[in-house]
Amino acid sequence: MVEDNEQNALLARRILEARNHNVIHANDGESGLQAAIDEIPDIILVDLGLPDIDGQTLVAFFKRTPELANIPIVAVTAWPEDTAREMAQAYGCDGFISKPISARAFPDQVAEFLKDTDS
């Protein structure tokens, strides 16, 4: 998870860890890219409004890195839903989840993106 807002990151981490997911958090794009390369996650959740690298560039880095090219990338964003859908698609994300995240819905939303990686 690449998220610069510590409160958002903490909430997402608590929700996902309660469902037995291991969450690796990076608070900027550069450390997020390095963590993804080091850990090879099952999914990458990324805030597109990061302080150091814009979302489009970061997603492009993920997609161009051979070890990460097939990992689902999901934008987690506070943009209005229509804008989020358009931007996530334009940036090359596999989908998006709107902020504020719902503690009830978030684990199922993440699980939907993981379905294709389970096979």
Protein backbone atom coordinates (compact mmCIF):
# COMPACT_ATOMS: atom_id res chain seq x y z
CA MET A 1 0.00 0.00 0.00
CA VAL A 2 1.40 3.35 -1.07
CA GLU A 3 -0.37 6.03 0.96
CA ASP A 4 1.05 9.31 2.27
CA ASN A 5 -1.76 9.99 4.76
CA GLU A 6 -0.84 8.10 7.93
CA GLN A 7 -4.43 7.92 9.22
CA ASN A 8 -5.71 6.47 5.94
CA ALA A 9 -2.84 3.98 5.89
CA LEU A 10 -3.45 2.92 9.50
CA LEU A 11 -7.16 2.39 8.89
CA ALA A 12 -6.59 0.34 5.74
CA ARG A 13 -3.87 -1.70 7.43
CA ARG A 14 -6.05 -2.52 10.46
CA ILE A 15 -8.97 -3.52 8.27
CA LEU A 16 -6.89 -5.76 6.00
CA GLU A 17 -4.78 -7.30 8.77
CA ALA A 18 -8.00 -8.24 10.58
CA ARG A 19 -8.70 -10.37 7.47
CA ASN A 20 -5.25 -11.99 7.69
CA HIS A 21 -3.63 -9.93 4.94
CA ASN A 22 0.00 -8.94 5.38
CA VAL A 23 0.24 -5.22 4.61
CA ILE A 24 3.44 -3.47 3.63
CA HIS A 25 3.07 0.30 3.78
CA ALA A 26 5.10 2.96 2.02
CA ASN A 27 4.34 6.65 2.47
CA ASP A 28 5.68 7.87 -0.87
CA GLY A 29 6.08 6.66 -4.42
CA GLU A 30 9.82 6.01 -4.36
CA SER A 31 9.72 3.82 -1.25
CA GLY A 32 6.52 2.18 -2.54
CA LEU A 33 8.22 1.16 -5.76
CA GLN A 34 11.22 -0.21 -3.87
CA ALA A 35 9.01 -2.09 -1.38
CA ALA A 36 7.02 -3.64 -4.24
CA ILE A 37 10.22 -4.79 -5.97
CA ASP A 38 11.61 -6.18 -2.70
CA GLU A 39 8.42 -7.94 -1.58
CA ILE A 40 6.54 -8.78 -4.84
CA PRO A 41 3.05 -8.28 -3.37
CA ASP A 42 -0.20 -9.90 -4.51
CA ILE A 43 -1.77 -6.48 -5.05
CA ILE A 44 -0.66 -2.84 -5.02
CA LEU A 45 -3.02 -0.28 -3.48
CA VAL A 46 -1.88 3.19 -4.45
CA ASP A 47 -2.98 6.71 -3.60
CA LEU A 48 -2.52 8.65 -6.83
CA GLY A 49 -1.86 11.96 -5.06
CA LEU A 50 1.58 11.35 -3.56
CA PRO A 51 4.09 14.03 -2.57
CA ASP A 52 7.05 12.80 -4.63
CA ILE A 53 5.83 10.99 -7.77
CA ASP A 54 2.53 11.59 -9.53
CA GLY A 55 0.20 8.60 -9.75
CA GLN A 56 0.47 8.17 -13.49
CA THR A 57 4.26 7.97 -13.36
CA LEU A 58 4.26 5.59 -10.40
CA VAL A 59 1.76 3.21 -12.03
CA ALA A 60 3.87 3.30 -15.21
CA PHE A 61 6.96 2.35 -13.17
CA PHE A 62 5.07 -0.58 -11.63
CA LYS A 63 3.84 -1.76 -15.04
CA ARG A 64 7.30 -1.47 -16.64
CA THR A 65 8.98 -3.48 -13.88
CA PRO A 66 8.93 -7.11 -15.11
CA GLU A 67 8.42 -8.62 -11.63
CA LEU A 68 5.43 -6.34 -11.01
CA ALA A 69 3.87 -6.13 -14.47
CA ASN A 70 1.08 -8.65 -13.76
CA ILE A 71 0.23 -7.56 -10.22
CA PRO A 72 -3.15 -5.80 -9.91
CA ILE A 73 -2.78 -2.09 -9.20
CA VAL A 74 -5.75 -0.43 -7.53
CA ALA A 75 -6.05 3.32 -7.08
CA VAL A 76 -7.41 4.27 -3.67
CA THR A 77 -8.51 7.84 -4.15
CA ALA A 78 -10.71 10.62 -2.84
CA TRP A 79 -11.53 11.82 -6.35
CA PRO A 80 -15.23 11.80 -7.28
CA GLU A 81 -16.21 8.34 -8.57
CA ASP A 82 -16.52 9.29 -12.25
CA THR A 83 -13.16 11.07 -12.19
CA ALA A 84 -11.55 8.20 -10.24
CA ARG A 85 -12.77 5.66 -12.79
CA GLU A 86 -11.46 7.72 -15.71
CA MET A 87 -8.12 8.50 -14.10
CA ALA A 88 -7.52 4.94 -12.88
CA GLN A 89 -8.18 3.65 -16.38
CA ALA A 90 -6.04 6.34 -18.01
CA TYR A 91 -3.19 5.65 -15.58
CA GLY A 92 -3.26 1.89 -16.27
CA CYS A 93 -4.73 0.79 -12.95
CA ASP A 94 -6.82 -2.35 -12.77
CA GLY A 95 -9.51 -0.48 -10.87
CA PHE A 96 -10.15 1.93 -8.03
CA ILE A 97 -11.59 2.12 -4.55
CA SER A 98 -13.05 5.41 -3.36
CA LYS A 99 -12.05 7.17 -0.16
CA PRO A 100 -13.11 7.40 2.48
CA ILE A 101 -12.86 3.62 2.57
CA SER A 102 -15.66 1.69 4.21
CA ALA A 103 -14.47 -0.62 6.98
CA ARG A 104 -17.23 -3.02 6.00
CA ALA A 105 -16.75 -2.98 2.21
CA PHE A 106 -12.98 -2.47 1.87
CA PRO A 107 -11.85 -6.09 2.46
CA ASP A 108 -14.35 -7.38 -0.11
CA GLN A 109 -13.33 -4.70 -2.60
CA VAL A 110 -9.68 -5.72 -2.27
CA ALA A 111 -10.63 -9.42 -2.48
CA GLU A 112 -12.36 -8.81 -5.82
CA PHE A 113 -9.08 -7.63 -7.34
CA LEU A 114 -7.23 -10.61 -5.84
CA LYS A 115 -9.57 -13.21 -7.37
CA ASP A 116 -7.72 -13.33 -10.68
CA THR A 117 -4.38 -13.79 -8.93
CA ASP A 118 -5.55 -16.83 -6.92
CA SER A 119 -5.64 -19.16 -9.92
